[in-house]
C-alpha atoms as a PDB file:
ATOM      1  CA  MET A   1       4.344 -18.142  -2.784  1.00  0.00           C
ATOM      2  CA  ASP A   2       7.695 -16.545  -1.945  1.00  0.00           C
ATOM      3  CA  ALA A   3       9.199 -16.151   1.532  1.00  0.00           C
ATOM      4  CA  TYR A   4       8.058 -12.373   1.857  1.00  0.00           C
ATOM      5  CA  THR A   5       4.544 -13.188   0.986  1.00  0.00           C
ATOM      6  CA  ARG A   6       4.580 -16.134   3.497  1.00  0.00           C
ATOM      7  CA  LEU A   7       5.642 -13.745   6.211  1.00  0.00           C
ATOM      8  CA  VAL A   8       2.974 -11.099   5.330  1.00  0.00           C
ATOM      9  CA  TYR A   9       0.331 -13.793   5.817  1.00  0.00           C
ATOM     10  CA  ALA A  10       2.028 -15.234   8.905  1.00  0.00           C
ATOM     11  CA  ARG A  11       1.542 -11.774  10.668  1.00  0.00           C
ATOM     12  CA  ARG A  12      -2.032 -12.857  11.361  1.00  0.00           C
ATOM     13  CA  LYS A  13      -1.260 -16.110  13.129  1.00  0.00           C
ATOM     14  CA  PRO A  14      -1.464 -16.021  16.982  1.00  0.00           C
ATOM     15  CA  ILE A  15       1.953 -17.482  18.045  1.00  0.00           C
ATOM     16  CA  ILE A  16       4.367 -16.569  15.119  1.00  0.00           C
ATOM     17  CA  GLY A  17       2.622 -13.288  13.929  1.00  0.00           C
ATOM     18  CA  ARG A  18       4.832 -10.888  15.903  1.00  0.00           C
ATOM     19  CA  LEU A  19       7.992 -12.714  14.810  1.00  0.00           C
ATOM     20  CA  ALA A  20       6.825 -12.557  11.204  1.00  0.00           C
ATOM     21  CA  TYR A  21       6.099  -8.786  11.645  1.00  0.00           C
ATOM     22  CA  TYR A  22       9.740  -8.289  12.958  1.00  0.00           C
ATOM     23  CA  LEU A  23      11.359 -10.359  10.235  1.00  0.00           C
ATOM     24  CA  LEU A  24       9.559  -8.212   7.692  1.00  0.00           C
ATOM     25  CA  LYS A  25      10.923  -5.239   9.345  1.00  0.00           C
ATOM     26  CA  LEU A  26      14.441  -6.494   9.203  1.00  0.00           C
ATOM     27  CA  LEU A  27      13.954  -7.168   5.642  1.00  0.00           C
ATOM     28  CA  GLY A  28      12.891  -3.446   5.155  1.00  0.00           C
ATOM     29  CA  VAL A  29       9.120  -3.918   5.006  1.00  0.00           C
ATOM     30  CA  GLU A  30       6.948  -1.959   7.498  1.00  0.00           C
ATOM     31  CA  LEU A  31       3.569  -3.665   7.232  1.00  0.00           C
ATOM     32  CA  PRO A  32       1.655  -3.326  10.682  1.00  0.00           C
ATOM     33  CA  LEU A  33      -0.176  -6.148  12.243  1.00  0.00           C
ATOM     34  CA  ALA A  34      -3.442  -4.277  12.050  1.00  0.00           C
ATOM     35  CA  VAL A  35      -3.354  -4.076   8.278  1.00  0.00           C
ATOM     36  CA  PRO A  36      -5.549  -6.602   6.581  1.00  0.00           C
ATOM     37  CA  VAL A  37      -4.139  -8.149   3.279  1.00  0.00           C
ATOM     38  CA  GLY A  38      -6.326  -9.922   0.785  1.00  0.00           C
ATOM     39  CA  GLU A  39      -5.392 -13.308  -0.916  1.00  0.00           C
ATOM     40  CA  GLY A  40      -2.980 -13.230  -3.841  1.00  0.00           C
ATOM     41  CA  PHE A  41      -1.002 -10.381  -2.473  1.00  0.00           C
ATOM     42  CA  GLU A  42       2.610 -10.020  -3.738  1.00  0.00           C
ATOM     43  CA  LEU A  43       5.576  -8.106  -2.454  1.00  0.00           C
ATOM     44  CA  VAL A  44       7.419  -7.828  -5.827  1.00  0.00           C
ATOM     45  CA  HIS A  45      11.162  -8.217  -5.532  1.00  0.00           C
ATOM     46  CA  GLY A  46      10.863  -8.476  -1.833  1.00  0.00           C
ATOM     47  CA  GLY A  47       9.303  -5.093  -1.346  1.00  0.00           C
ATOM     48  CA  PHE A  48      12.362  -3.417   0.369  1.00  0.00           C
ATOM     49  CA  GLY A  49      11.429   0.037   1.610  1.00  0.00           C
ATOM     50  CA  VAL A  50       7.673  -0.466   1.575  1.00  0.00           C
ATOM     51  CA  VAL A  51       6.027   1.531   4.446  1.00  0.00           C
ATOM     52  CA  VAL A  52       2.221   1.068   5.125  1.00  0.00           C
ATOM     53  CA  HIS A  53       0.219   3.031   7.593  1.00  0.00           C
ATOM     54  CA  SER A  54      -1.691   1.028  10.133  1.00  0.00           C
ATOM     55  CA  LYS A  55      -5.011   2.512   8.933  1.00  0.00           C
ATOM     56  CA  ALA A  56      -4.570   1.127   5.426  1.00  0.00           C
ATOM     57  CA  GLN A  57      -6.463  -1.930   3.946  1.00  0.00           C
ATOM     58  CA  ILE A  58      -5.100  -3.993   1.109  1.00  0.00           C
ATOM     59  CA  GLY A  59      -7.351  -5.877  -1.263  1.00  0.00           C
ATOM     60  CA  ARG A  60      -6.763  -9.197  -3.251  1.00  0.00           C
ATOM     61  CA  ARG A  61      -4.243  -9.745  -5.910  1.00  0.00           C
ATOM     62  CA  VAL A  62      -2.543  -6.342  -5.089  1.00  0.00           C
ATOM     63  CA  LYS A  63       1.229  -6.098  -6.300  1.00  0.00           C
ATOM     64  CA  ILE A  64       3.490  -3.759  -4.222  1.00  0.00           C
ATOM     65  CA  TYR A  65       7.001  -2.924  -5.511  1.00  0.00           C
ATOM     66  CA  PRO A  66       9.931  -1.764  -3.557  1.00  0.00           C
ATOM     67  CA  GLY A  67       9.862   1.865  -2.175  1.00  0.00           C
ATOM     68  CA  VAL A  68       6.113   2.163  -1.999  1.00  0.00           C
ATOM     69  CA  THR A  69       4.588   4.244   0.909  1.00  0.00           C
ATOM     70  CA  LEU A  70       0.847   4.319   1.970  1.00  0.00           C
ATOM     71  CA  GLY A  71       0.464   6.987   4.654  1.00  0.00           C
ATOM     72  CA  ARG A  72      -0.671  10.500   5.845  1.00  0.00           C
ATOM     73  CA  ALA A  73       0.048  13.541   3.884  1.00  0.00           C
ATOM     74  CA  ASP A  74      -0.163  15.698   7.056  1.00  0.00           C
ATOM     75  CA  ILE A  75       2.677  14.221   9.020  1.00  0.00           C
ATOM     76  CA  TYR A  76       3.510  17.823  10.287  1.00  0.00           C
ATOM     77  CA  ARG A  77       0.346  17.640  12.405  1.00  0.00           C
ATOM     78  CA  PRO A  78       0.046  15.582  15.622  1.00  0.00           C
ATOM     79  CA  ALA A  79      -1.807  12.429  14.774  1.00  0.00           C
ATOM     80  CA  GLU A  80      -4.705  13.283  17.069  1.00  0.00           C
ATOM     81  CA  ARG A  81      -5.314  16.348  15.093  1.00  0.00           C
ATOM     82  CA  SER A  82      -5.139  14.800  11.723  1.00  0.00           C
ATOM     83  CA  ARG A  83      -8.443  14.304   9.549  1.00  0.00           C
ATOM     84  CA  PHE A  84      -6.729  11.286   7.887  1.00  0.00           C
ATOM     85  CA  GLU A  85      -9.007   8.117   8.211  1.00  0.00           C
ATOM     86  CA  GLY A  86      -7.427   5.690   6.087  1.00  0.00           C
ATOM     87  CA  ILE A  87      -6.265   4.336   2.644  1.00  0.00           C
ATOM     88  CA  VAL A  88      -8.161   1.449   0.805  1.00  0.00           C
ATOM     89  CA  ILE A  89      -6.312  -0.397  -1.935  1.00  0.00           C
ATOM     90  CA  GLU A  90      -8.967  -2.198  -3.725  1.00  0.00           C
ATOM     91  CA  ASP A  91      -8.442  -5.599  -5.618  1.00  0.00           C
ATOM     92  CA  ASP A  92      -6.000  -6.017  -8.472  1.00  0.00           C
ATOM     93  CA  VAL A  93      -4.069  -2.731  -8.016  1.00  0.00           C
ATOM     94  CA  ILE A  94      -0.546  -2.425  -8.920  1.00  0.00           C
ATOM     95  CA  LEU A  95       1.761   0.074  -6.964  1.00  0.00           C
ATOM     96  CA  CYS A  96       4.930   0.548  -9.047  1.00  0.00           C
ATOM     97  CA  PRO A  97       8.403   1.119  -7.497  1.00  0.00           C
ATOM     98  CA  GLY A  98       8.638   4.311  -5.466  1.00  0.00           C
ATOM     99  CA  ALA A  99       4.857   5.226  -5.621  1.00  0.00           C
ATOM    100  CA  LYS A 100       3.550   7.278  -2.757  1.00  0.00           C
ATOM    101  CA  VAL A 101      -0.070   7.214  -1.851  1.00  0.00           C
ATOM    102  CA  LEU A 102      -0.664  10.042   0.722  1.00  0.00           C
ATOM    103  CA  CYS A 103      -4.041  11.081   2.335  1.00  0.00           C
ATOM    104  CA  LYS A 104      -4.679  14.218   4.057  1.00  0.00           C
ATOM    105  CA  GLU A 105      -8.327  13.783   5.095  1.00  0.00           C
ATOM    106  CA  GLY A 106     -10.944  11.246   5.012  1.00  0.00           C
ATOM    107  CA  VAL A 107     -10.304   7.935   3.287  1.00  0.00           C
ATOM    108  CA  LEU A 108      -8.254   7.728  -0.078  1.00  0.00           C
ATOM    109  CA  ARG A 109      -9.371   4.844  -2.298  1.00  0.00           C
ATOM    110  CA  VAL A 110      -7.230   3.351  -5.085  1.00  0.00           C
ATOM    111  CA  GLY A 111      -9.932   1.881  -7.395  1.00  0.00           C
ATOM    112  CA  HIS A 112     -10.246  -1.698  -8.609  1.00  0.00           C
ATOM    113  CA  GLY A 113      -7.487  -2.575 -11.206  1.00  0.00           C
ATOM    114  CA  SER A 114      -5.748   0.777 -11.067  1.00  0.00           C
ATOM    115  CA  VAL A 115      -1.941   1.225 -11.593  1.00  0.00           C
ATOM    116  CA  ILE A 116      -0.017   3.897  -9.680  1.00  0.00           C
ATOM    117  CA  GLY A 117       3.146   4.562 -11.853  1.00  0.00           C
ATOM    118  CA  ALA A 118       6.794   4.477 -10.650  1.00  0.00           C
ATOM    119  CA  ASN A 119       7.643   7.422  -8.376  1.00  0.00           C
ATOM    120  CA  ALA A 120       4.165   8.918  -8.616  1.00  0.00           C
ATOM    121  CA  VAL A 121       2.688  10.868  -5.623  1.00  0.00           C
ATOM    122  CA  LEU A 122      -0.977  10.042  -5.416  1.00  0.00           C
ATOM    123  CA  LEU A 123      -2.929  12.644  -3.487  1.00  0.00           C
ATOM    124  CA  GLN A 124      -6.463  11.635  -4.411  1.00  0.00           C
ATOM    125  CA  SER A 125      -8.891   8.724  -4.920  1.00  0.00           C
ATOM    126  CA  THR A 126      -8.877   7.019  -8.172  1.00  0.00           C
ATOM    127  CA  GLY A 127     -11.613   5.269 -10.414  1.00  0.00           C
ATOM    128  CA  GLU A 128     -11.399   1.832 -11.580  1.00  0.00           C
ATOM    129  CA  ASN A 129      -8.794   0.481 -14.026  1.00  0.00           C
ATOM    130  CA  GLU A 130      -7.110   3.978 -14.244  1.00  0.00           C
ATOM    131  CA  ILE A 131      -3.384   4.500 -14.757  1.00  0.00           C
ATOM    132  CA  TRP A 132      -1.872   7.415 -12.613  1.00  0.00           C
ATOM    133  CA  ALA A 133       1.510   9.004 -13.029  1.00  0.00           C
ATOM    134  CA  GLY A 134       3.409  12.120 -12.078  1.00  0.00           C
ATOM    135  CA  MET A 135       3.915  14.325  -9.050  1.00  0.00           C
ATOM    136  CA  PRO A 136       1.223  15.147  -8.134  1.00  0.00           C
ATOM    137  CA  ALA A 137      -0.310  12.150  -9.914  1.00  0.00           C
ATOM    138  CA  GLN A 138      -2.789  12.632 -12.582  1.00  0.00           C
ATOM    139  CA  CYS A 139      -4.780  10.116 -14.461  1.00  0.00           C
ATOM    140  CA  VAL A 140      -2.837   9.424 -17.828  1.00  0.00           C
ATOM    141  CA  GLY A 141      -4.897   6.455 -19.117  1.00  0.00           C
ATOM    142  CA  GLN A 142      -7.057   3.435 -18.673  1.00  0.00           C
ATOM    143  CA  ARG A 143      -5.778  -0.042 -18.021  1.00  0.00           C
ATOM    144  CA  HIS A 144      -7.142  -2.610 -20.629  1.00  0.00           C
ATOM    145  CA  GLU A 145      -7.266  -6.169 -19.522  1.00  0.00           C
END
């Protein structure tokens, strides 16, 4: 387990959690204390530029590359008027460099085993083991194990 991943898990510890959170921020990773992260999580290449909304959930064995954003698509609205409820990243998902997962209303789910391609802008939920790419992202294939 690398130092970045250790800091991600240390966020949940009572005494050093806040320190780990601020160290991650200094290293360019915005991952709020409220965001649950499953086992086997990996910030590939340190995850510089990763920004995660506090209403996100991250499953097991998820890989997040640098420049990934998980957040609201309606940031022009005050938060209290937003219909955004959250983002769920299910198990075994890969979020490639620069991918943006943006939700306008309800909960956006990235299905088990899906891959969101480099610089893709995902605005809708995915199925399982799908590969999404483009702006806006579209399903371009299936992931075969």
